[in-house]
C-alpha atoms as a PDB file:
ATOM      1  CA  MET A   1     -19.344 -35.353  -3.028  1.00  0.00           C
ATOM      2  CA  LYS A   2     -16.874 -34.340  -0.224  1.00  0.00           C
ATOM      3  CA  GLN A   3     -13.475 -34.733  -1.242  1.00  0.00           C
ATOM      4  CA  GLU A   4     -10.626 -36.043   1.034  1.00  0.00           C
ATOM      5  CA  ALA A   5      -8.574 -33.710   2.792  1.00  0.00           C
ATOM      6  CA  LEU A   6      -4.532 -33.964   3.319  1.00  0.00           C
ATOM      7  CA  THR A   7      -5.385 -33.904   6.689  1.00  0.00           C
ATOM      8  CA  ASP A   8      -8.032 -35.424   9.579  1.00  0.00           C
ATOM      9  CA  TYR A   9      -9.392 -34.161  12.647  1.00  0.00           C
ATOM     10  CA  ASP A  10      -6.846 -36.180  14.808  1.00  0.00           C
ATOM     11  CA  PHE A  11      -4.256 -34.542  12.841  1.00  0.00           C
ATOM     12  CA  TRP A  12      -5.442 -30.798  13.928  1.00  0.00           C
ATOM     13  CA  LYS A  13      -6.648 -32.113  17.535  1.00  0.00           C
ATOM     14  CA  ASN A  14      -3.033 -33.106  18.042  1.00  0.00           C
ATOM     15  CA  TYR A  15      -1.572 -30.191  16.328  1.00  0.00           C
ATOM     16  CA  TRP A  16      -3.375 -27.169  18.758  1.00  0.00           C
ATOM     17  CA  LEU A  17      -2.827 -29.603  21.395  1.00  0.00           C
ATOM     18  CA  SER A  18       0.799 -29.577  20.631  1.00  0.00           C
ATOM     19  CA  LYS A  19       1.231 -25.736  20.674  1.00  0.00           C
ATOM     20  CA  VAL A  20       1.923 -23.472  23.431  1.00  0.00           C
ATOM     21  CA  GLY A  21       1.137 -19.995  23.841  1.00  0.00           C
ATOM     22  CA  LEU A  22      -1.547 -19.125  21.382  1.00  0.00           C
ATOM     23  CA  ALA A  23      -3.123 -16.828  23.202  1.00  0.00           C
ATOM     24  CA  PHE A  24      -1.575 -13.590  22.725  1.00  0.00           C
ATOM     25  CA  PRO A  25      -2.083  -9.897  22.159  1.00  0.00           C
ATOM     26  CA  ILE A  26      -2.634  -9.510  18.359  1.00  0.00           C
ATOM     27  CA  PRO A  27       0.481  -7.330  17.569  1.00  0.00           C
ATOM     28  CA  ALA A  28      -0.702  -4.385  15.066  1.00  0.00           C
ATOM     29  CA  ASN A  29       1.906  -5.833  12.282  1.00  0.00           C
ATOM     30  CA  TYR A  30       0.294  -9.111  12.377  1.00  0.00           C
ATOM     31  CA  PRO A  31       0.365 -11.182   8.829  1.00  0.00           C
ATOM     32  CA  PHE A  32      -2.400  -9.466   6.650  1.00  0.00           C
ATOM     33  CA  THR A  33      -4.048  -7.030   9.280  1.00  0.00           C
ATOM     34  CA  ARG A  34      -3.032  -3.853   7.022  1.00  0.00           C
ATOM     35  CA  GLU A  35      -4.739  -5.537   3.769  1.00  0.00           C
ATOM     36  CA  LEU A  36      -7.629  -6.638   5.711  1.00  0.00           C
ATOM     37  CA  LYS A  37      -8.233  -3.344   7.255  1.00  0.00           C
ATOM     38  CA  GLN A  38      -8.021  -1.491   3.855  1.00  0.00           C
ATOM     39  CA  SER A  39     -10.767  -4.112   2.601  1.00  0.00           C
ATOM     40  CA  ILE A  40     -12.956  -3.963   5.438  1.00  0.00           C
ATOM     41  CA  GLN A  41     -13.221  -0.178   5.577  1.00  0.00           C
ATOM     42  CA  ALA A  42     -13.289   0.229   1.789  1.00  0.00           C
ATOM     43  CA  HIS A  43     -16.399  -2.169   1.601  1.00  0.00           C
ATOM     44  CA  GLN A  44     -18.112  -1.317   5.078  1.00  0.00           C
ATOM     45  CA  VAL A  45     -17.923  -5.150   6.430  1.00  0.00           C
ATOM     46  CA  LYS A  46     -20.200  -5.367   8.999  1.00  0.00           C
ATOM     47  CA  ASN A  47     -20.225  -9.300   9.450  1.00  0.00           C
ATOM     48  CA  LEU A  48     -17.086 -11.870   8.723  1.00  0.00           C
ATOM     49  CA  LEU A  49     -16.408 -15.687   8.537  1.00  0.00           C
ATOM     50  CA  GLU A  50     -13.496 -17.182   9.209  1.00  0.00           C
ATOM     51  CA  ILE A  51     -13.028 -20.551   7.925  1.00  0.00           C
ATOM     52  CA  GLY A  52     -10.317 -23.019   9.155  1.00  0.00           C
ATOM     53  CA  GLY A  53      -8.687 -20.393  11.376  1.00  0.00           C
ATOM     54  CA  PHE A  54      -8.643 -21.456  14.607  1.00  0.00           C
ATOM     55  CA  PRO A  55      -7.961 -20.142  17.433  1.00  0.00           C
ATOM     56  CA  GLY A  56      -9.398 -17.365  15.873  1.00  0.00           C
ATOM     57  CA  TYR A  57      -7.116 -14.597  15.261  1.00  0.00           C
ATOM     58  CA  TYR A  58      -8.903 -12.566  12.655  1.00  0.00           C
ATOM     59  CA  SER A  59     -12.064 -12.903  14.325  1.00  0.00           C
ATOM     60  CA  VAL A  60     -10.786 -11.410  17.408  1.00  0.00           C
ATOM     61  CA  TRP A  61      -8.635  -8.434  15.922  1.00  0.00           C
ATOM     62  CA  ALA A  62     -11.826  -7.739  13.984  1.00  0.00           C
ATOM     63  CA  THR A  63     -14.383  -7.590  16.391  1.00  0.00           C
ATOM     64  CA  GLN A  64     -11.714  -5.502  18.688  1.00  0.00           C
ATOM     65  CA  ALA A  65      -9.950  -3.447  16.260  1.00  0.00           C
ATOM     66  CA  LEU A  66     -12.802  -2.580  13.716  1.00  0.00           C
ATOM     67  CA  GLY A  67     -16.141  -3.432  15.681  1.00  0.00           C
ATOM     68  CA  VAL A  68     -17.010  -6.444  12.850  1.00  0.00           C
ATOM     69  CA  GLN A  69     -19.287  -9.205  13.968  1.00  0.00           C
ATOM     70  CA  SER A  70     -17.091 -12.127  13.898  1.00  0.00           C
ATOM     71  CA  THR A  71     -17.762 -16.262  13.151  1.00  0.00           C
ATOM     72  CA  LEU A  72     -15.492 -18.705  13.523  1.00  0.00           C
ATOM     73  CA  LEU A  73     -15.541 -21.790  11.328  1.00  0.00           C
ATOM     74  CA  ASP A  74     -13.263 -24.690  12.059  1.00  0.00           C
ATOM     75  CA  PHE A  75     -13.119 -28.422  12.215  1.00  0.00           C
ATOM     76  CA  VAL A  76     -11.709 -28.853  15.379  1.00  0.00           C
ATOM     77  CA  ILE A  77     -12.268 -25.880  17.992  1.00  0.00           C
ATOM     78  CA  LEU A  78     -11.136 -25.736  21.506  1.00  0.00           C
ATOM     79  CA  PRO A  79     -13.569 -22.798  23.050  1.00  0.00           C
ATOM     80  CA  LYS A  80     -10.805 -22.218  26.096  1.00  0.00           C
ATOM     81  CA  ILE A  81      -8.411 -21.392  23.794  1.00  0.00           C
ATOM     82  CA  VAL A  82     -10.741 -18.934  22.077  1.00  0.00           C
ATOM     83  CA  GLU A  83     -11.803 -17.684  25.532  1.00  0.00           C
ATOM     84  CA  ASP A  84      -8.268 -17.322  26.363  1.00  0.00           C
ATOM     85  CA  LEU A  85      -7.420 -15.091  23.048  1.00  0.00           C
ATOM     86  CA  LYS A  86     -10.385 -13.127  23.460  1.00  0.00           C
ATOM     87  CA  LYS A  87      -8.840 -12.384  26.971  1.00  0.00           C
ATOM     88  CA  ALA A  88      -5.504 -11.569  25.963  1.00  0.00           C
ATOM     89  CA  ASN A  89      -6.958  -8.966  23.650  1.00  0.00           C
ATOM     90  CA  HIS A  90      -9.545  -7.494  26.245  1.00  0.00           C
ATOM     91  CA  LEU A  91     -12.302  -8.449  23.991  1.00  0.00           C
ATOM     92  CA  ASN A  92     -15.807  -9.053  25.579  1.00  0.00           C
ATOM     93  CA  ALA A  93     -17.633  -9.260  22.430  1.00  0.00           C
ATOM     94  CA  GLU A  94     -18.767 -12.637  21.484  1.00  0.00           C
ATOM     95  CA  ILE A  95     -17.431 -14.650  18.592  1.00  0.00           C
ATOM     96  CA  GLU A  96     -19.739 -17.329  17.497  1.00  0.00           C
ATOM     97  CA  LEU A  97     -18.186 -20.482  17.057  1.00  0.00           C
ATOM     98  CA  TRP A  98     -19.027 -22.995  14.500  1.00  0.00           C
ATOM     99  CA  GLU A  99     -17.165 -26.508  15.132  1.00  0.00           C
ATOM    100  CA  LYS A 100     -18.222 -28.323  11.789  1.00  0.00           C
ATOM    101  CA  ASP A 101     -17.083 -30.476   8.564  1.00  0.00           C
ATOM    102  CA  LEU A 102     -17.123 -27.352   5.617  1.00  0.00           C
ATOM    103  CA  PHE A 103     -18.023 -30.398   3.754  1.00  0.00           C
ATOM    104  CA  ALA A 104     -20.982 -31.117   5.408  1.00  0.00           C
ATOM    105  CA  PRO A 105     -23.911 -29.321   4.090  1.00  0.00           C
ATOM    106  CA  ASP A 106     -26.704 -27.739   6.520  1.00  0.00           C
ATOM    107  CA  GLY A 107     -27.195 -24.482   4.825  1.00  0.00           C
ATOM    108  CA  GLN A 108     -26.360 -22.734   7.636  1.00  0.00           C
ATOM    109  CA  GLY A 109     -24.758 -18.936   6.960  1.00  0.00           C
ATOM    110  CA  LEU A 110     -25.231 -19.543   3.141  1.00  0.00           C
ATOM    111  CA  HIS A 111     -24.969 -16.201   1.239  1.00  0.00           C
ATOM    112  CA  TRP A 112     -25.071 -14.468   4.812  1.00  0.00           C
ATOM    113  CA  PHE A 113     -21.651 -12.627   5.059  1.00  0.00           C
ATOM    114  CA  ASP A 114     -19.927  -9.397   3.881  1.00  0.00           C
ATOM    115  CA  LEU A 115     -16.224 -11.477   4.249  1.00  0.00           C
ATOM    116  CA  VAL A 116     -14.918 -14.553   4.219  1.00  0.00           C
ATOM    117  CA  ILE A 117     -11.427 -15.271   5.227  1.00  0.00           C
ATOM    118  CA  SER A 118      -8.814 -18.314   5.028  1.00  0.00           C
ATOM    119  CA  ASN A 119      -5.320 -18.619   6.366  1.00  0.00           C
ATOM    120  CA  GLY A 120      -3.257 -21.660   5.550  1.00  0.00           C
ATOM    121  CA  LEU A 121      -6.252 -23.744   4.471  1.00  0.00           C
ATOM    122  CA  ILE A 122      -6.746 -24.381   0.460  1.00  0.00           C
ATOM    123  CA  GLU A 123      -3.745 -25.948   0.425  1.00  0.00           C
ATOM    124  CA  HIS A 124      -4.348 -28.611   2.199  1.00  0.00           C
ATOM    125  CA  PHE A 125      -6.945 -30.265  -0.087  1.00  0.00           C
ATOM    126  CA  PRO A 126      -6.432 -31.511  -3.387  1.00  0.00           C
ATOM    127  CA  ASN A 127      -9.352 -29.855  -5.099  1.00  0.00           C
ATOM    128  CA  THR A 128      -8.435 -26.290  -5.071  1.00  0.00           C
ATOM    129  CA  GLU A 129     -11.766 -24.916  -7.329  1.00  0.00           C
ATOM    130  CA  GLU A 130     -13.849 -27.191  -4.600  1.00  0.00           C
ATOM    131  CA  ILE A 131     -12.293 -25.585  -1.718  1.00  0.00           C
ATOM    132  CA  LEU A 132     -12.402 -22.526  -3.018  1.00  0.00           C
ATOM    133  CA  SER A 133     -16.554 -22.749  -3.613  1.00  0.00           C
ATOM    134  CA  LYS A 134     -17.205 -24.032  -0.196  1.00  0.00           C
ATOM    135  CA  HIS A 135     -15.746 -20.324   0.676  1.00  0.00           C
ATOM    136  CA  ILE A 136     -17.539 -18.562  -1.960  1.00  0.00           C
ATOM    137  CA  GLN A 137     -21.319 -20.056  -0.779  1.00  0.00           C
ATOM    138  CA  TYR A 138     -21.029 -18.129   2.793  1.00  0.00           C
ATOM    139  CA  LEU A 139     -20.577 -14.650   0.675  1.00  0.00           C
ATOM    140  CA  LYS A 140     -23.333 -12.188  -0.432  1.00  0.00           C
ATOM    141  CA  LYS A 141     -23.279 -11.080  -3.760  1.00  0.00           C
ATOM    142  CA  GLY A 142     -20.965  -8.155  -3.667  1.00  0.00           C
ATOM    143  CA  GLY A 143     -18.485  -9.785  -0.491  1.00  0.00           C
ATOM    144  CA  GLN A 144     -15.340 -10.245  -0.539  1.00  0.00           C
ATOM    145  CA  LEU A 145     -13.105 -13.162  -0.423  1.00  0.00           C
ATOM    146  CA  PHE A 146      -9.700 -12.982   1.328  1.00  0.00           C
ATOM    147  CA  VAL A 147      -7.656 -16.188   1.637  1.00  0.00           C
ATOM    148  CA  SER A 148      -3.872 -16.759   2.012  1.00  0.00           C
ATOM    149  CA  LEU A 149      -1.705 -19.590   1.935  1.00  0.00           C
ATOM    150  CA  PRO A 150       1.739 -20.679   2.190  1.00  0.00           C
ATOM    151  CA  ASN A 151       3.925 -20.202  -0.855  1.00  0.00           C
ATOM    152  CA  PHE A 152       6.124 -23.590  -1.113  1.00  0.00           C
ATOM    153  CA  ARG A 153       7.508 -23.240  -4.094  1.00  0.00           C
ATOM    154  CA  GLY A 154      10.578 -21.150  -3.429  1.00  0.00           C
ATOM    155  CA  LEU A 155      13.339 -21.338  -0.274  1.00  0.00           C
ATOM    156  CA  ASN A 156      11.134 -22.029   2.272  1.00  0.00           C
ATOM    157  CA  GLY A 157       9.405 -24.996   0.178  1.00  0.00           C
ATOM    158  CA  TRP A 158      12.941 -26.286   0.069  1.00  0.00           C
ATOM    159  CA  PHE A 159      13.318 -26.177   3.882  1.00  0.00           C
ATOM    160  CA  GLN A 160       9.848 -27.873   4.216  1.00  0.00           C
ATOM    161  CA  ARG A 161      10.546 -30.763   1.810  1.00  0.00           C
ATOM    162  CA  GLN A 162      14.102 -31.254   2.581  1.00  0.00           C
ATOM    163  CA  PHE A 163      13.736 -30.820   6.538  1.00  0.00           C
ATOM    164  CA  ASP A 164      10.098 -31.722   7.425  1.00  0.00           C
ATOM    165  CA  PRO A 165       8.875 -33.957   4.408  1.00  0.00           C
ATOM    166  CA  GLN A 166       5.950 -35.258   6.189  1.00  0.00           C
ATOM    167  CA  ASN A 167       4.747 -31.634   6.971  1.00  0.00           C
ATOM    168  CA  TYR A 168       5.466 -30.950   3.114  1.00  0.00           C
ATOM    169  CA  ALA A 169       3.429 -33.631   2.193  1.00  0.00           C
ATOM    170  CA  LYS A 170       0.196 -32.131   4.290  1.00  0.00           C
ATOM    171  CA  HIS A 171       0.098 -29.545   1.505  1.00  0.00           C
ATOM    172  CA  HIS A 172      -0.821 -29.555  -2.072  1.00  0.00           C
ATOM    173  CA  ILE A 173       2.081 -27.978  -3.697  1.00  0.00           C
ATOM    174  CA  PRO A 174       0.393 -27.207  -7.554  1.00  0.00           C
ATOM    175  CA  CYS A 175      -2.241 -24.965  -6.151  1.00  0.00           C
ATOM    176  CA  MET A 176       0.909 -22.849  -4.827  1.00  0.00           C
ATOM    177  CA  ASP A 177       0.792 -20.664  -8.187  1.00  0.00           C
ATOM    178  CA  ILE A 178      -0.525 -17.260  -8.871  1.00  0.00           C
ATOM    179  CA  ASN A 179      -1.607 -17.846 -12.360  1.00  0.00           C
ATOM    180  CA  PHE A 180      -3.297 -20.688 -11.545  1.00  0.00           C
ATOM    181  CA  LEU A 181      -5.271 -19.888  -8.691  1.00  0.00           C
ATOM    182  CA  HIS A 182      -6.362 -16.826 -10.354  1.00  0.00           C
ATOM    183  CA  GLY A 183      -7.778 -19.027 -12.810  1.00  0.00           C
ATOM    184  CA  GLN A 184      -9.648 -20.969 -10.300  1.00  0.00           C
ATOM    185  CA  CYS A 185     -11.274 -17.686  -9.295  1.00  0.00           C
ATOM    186  CA  GLU A 186     -12.331 -17.203 -12.727  1.00  0.00           C
ATOM    187  CA  LYS A 187     -14.066 -20.263 -13.137  1.00  0.00           C
ATOM    188  CA  LEU A 188     -15.933 -19.772  -9.871  1.00  0.00           C
ATOM    189  CA  GLY A 189     -17.090 -16.689 -11.521  1.00  0.00           C
ATOM    190  CA  LEU A 190     -15.218 -14.056  -9.351  1.00  0.00           C
ATOM    191  CA  LYS A 191     -14.267 -10.425  -9.949  1.00  0.00           C
ATOM    192  CA  GLN A 192     -11.927  -7.690  -9.047  1.00  0.00           C
ATOM    193  CA  ILE A 193      -9.334 -10.574  -8.315  1.00  0.00           C
ATOM    194  CA  SER A 194      -6.335 -10.249  -7.218  1.00  0.00           C
ATOM    195  CA  VAL A 195      -3.380 -12.920  -6.810  1.00  0.00           C
ATOM    196  CA  SER A 196      -0.072 -11.809  -5.270  1.00  0.00           C
ATOM    197  CA  TYR A 197       3.000 -13.166  -3.588  1.00  0.00           C
ATOM    198  CA  SER A 198       2.764 -11.290  -0.160  1.00  0.00           C
ATOM    199  CA  GLY A 199       4.834 -11.106   3.195  1.00  0.00           C
ATOM    200  CA  GLY A 200       8.088 -10.136   4.114  1.00  0.00           C
ATOM    201  CA  PHE A 201      10.749 -12.826   3.871  1.00  0.00           C
ATOM    202  CA  MET A 202      10.841 -15.821   6.737  1.00  0.00           C
ATOM    203  CA  LEU A 203      11.643 -19.615   6.528  1.00  0.00           C
ATOM    204  CA  TRP A 204      10.115 -21.811   8.966  1.00  0.00           C
ATOM    205  CA  LEU A 205       9.792 -25.057   9.887  1.00  0.00           C
ATOM    206  CA  GLU A 206       7.099 -26.698  12.217  1.00  0.00           C
ATOM    207  CA  ASN A 207       9.397 -29.074  13.992  1.00  0.00           C
ATOM    208  CA  GLU A 208      12.295 -26.573  14.258  1.00  0.00           C
ATOM    209  CA  LYS A 209      12.614 -27.831  17.839  1.00  0.00           C
ATOM    210  CA  GLN A 210      13.160 -31.334  16.635  1.00  0.00           C
ATOM    211  CA  GLN A 211      15.829 -30.602  14.173  1.00  0.00           C
ATOM    212  CA  PRO A 212      19.571 -31.230  14.530  1.00  0.00           C
ATOM    213  CA  LEU A 213      21.763 -28.084  15.345  1.00  0.00           C
ATOM    214  CA  TRP A 214      23.289 -28.060  11.813  1.00  0.00           C
ATOM    215  CA  VAL A 215      19.791 -27.839  10.283  1.00  0.00           C
ATOM    216  CA  LYS A 216      19.025 -24.871  12.553  1.00  0.00           C
ATOM    217  CA  ILE A 217      22.566 -23.296  11.901  1.00  0.00           C
ATOM    218  CA  LEU A 218      21.930 -23.773   7.901  1.00  0.00           C
ATOM    219  CA  LYS A 219      18.283 -22.015   8.265  1.00  0.00           C
ATOM    220  CA  THR A 220      19.594 -18.965  10.378  1.00  0.00           C
ATOM    221  CA  ALA A 221      22.489 -18.870   7.735  1.00  0.00           C
ATOM    222  CA  CYS A 222      20.025 -18.757   4.923  1.00  0.00           C
ATOM    223  CA  TRP A 223      17.281 -16.097   6.772  1.00  0.00           C
ATOM    224  CA  LEU A 224      19.799 -13.361   8.161  1.00  0.00           C
ATOM    225  CA  PRO A 225      21.252 -12.192   5.081  1.00  0.00           C
ATOM    226  CA  LEU A 226      18.215 -12.335   2.873  1.00  0.00           C
ATOM    227  CA  LYS A 227      15.900 -10.963   6.122  1.00  0.00           C
ATOM    228  CA  ILE A 228      18.469  -7.915   5.913  1.00  0.00           C
ATOM    229  CA  PHE A 229      18.176  -7.734   2.112  1.00  0.00           C
ATOM    230  CA  PHE A 230      14.626  -8.146   1.881  1.00  0.00           C
ATOM    231  CA  LYS A 231      13.991  -5.571   4.451  1.00  0.00           C
ATOM    232  CA  ILE A 232      16.316  -3.198   2.539  1.00  0.00           C
ATOM    233  CA  PHE A 233      14.269  -3.607  -0.981  1.00  0.00           C
ATOM    234  CA  PRO A 234      10.749  -5.083   0.160  1.00  0.00           C
ATOM    235  CA  ILE A 235       9.654  -6.933  -3.498  1.00  0.00           C
ATOM    236  CA  GLN A 236       7.783  -9.950  -3.505  1.00  0.00           C
ATOM    237  CA  THR A 237       8.991 -12.734  -5.778  1.00  0.00           C
ATOM    238  CA  LYS A 238       7.931 -16.615  -5.930  1.00  0.00           C
ATOM    239  CA  ALA A 239      11.503 -17.883  -4.781  1.00  0.00           C
ATOM    240  CA  PHE A 240      11.324 -16.024  -1.406  1.00  0.00           C
ATOM    241  CA  ALA A 241       7.716 -14.701  -0.642  1.00  0.00           C
ATOM    242  CA  PRO A 242       6.305 -16.650   2.236  1.00  0.00           C
ATOM    243  CA  TYR A 243       2.690 -16.358   1.226  1.00  0.00           C
ATOM    244  CA  ILE A 244       0.269 -15.996  -1.765  1.00  0.00           C
ATOM    245  CA  LEU A 245      -3.000 -13.824  -1.057  1.00  0.00           C
ATOM    246  CA  ILE A 246      -6.379 -14.173  -3.038  1.00  0.00           C
ATOM    247  CA  GLN A 247      -8.714 -11.040  -3.246  1.00  0.00           C
ATOM    248  CA  ALA A 248     -11.883 -11.181  -5.326  1.00  0.00           C
ATOM    249  CA  GLU A 249     -15.386 -10.160  -5.121  1.00  0.00           C
ATOM    250  CA  LYS A 250     -18.684 -12.608  -5.433  1.00  0.00           C
END
């Protein structure tokens, strides 16, 4: 049965249309590219599916940097923005685009991919096991799952809850727990499961430009000393890590 997402088509279309500067050269230190490169090379990945990843940063990066055949699946895809992103990264190869509902079964691409990626997707659905299973259905046996999501159960989540409650409500906070996620992967029969806090310390608000000056000052006052501290001591904790990263094998 199709589960109800915490967001809908209009939410995502308006979200992307409100953004500027989506097409840019993807930097060498873009989040998770180091871990992805290690996984792609270690498992000799030839093709990947990026789910919910419009405008396709990981698809473009993997194709441009590593020659991987990439497919982008999302509920909303604006092809011109994908082309602009490709041009910004000097990529001439094709990125296959699948604009469709992940929960509308059509059989396309099932059990086909060496690697399935999503970044900031699963936390928008209340049934974590089901949304993860929708990723796994596209993996061939021995394929790699690579899923990241924000950690809103620490300081960054407090900022979201206090100053952007509408955006906070679009996220399923109970899934942002590494033990819970590890258990969900086990229930789905995955192997070589790794679930960890990840990323250098950061704070962000989706609506920061609309915030009053005192909120921006408070955010900066919290961000700057902690950024310096975690630059010197790069430890990952529930209270301060911005992301959670899941890696597993089918």
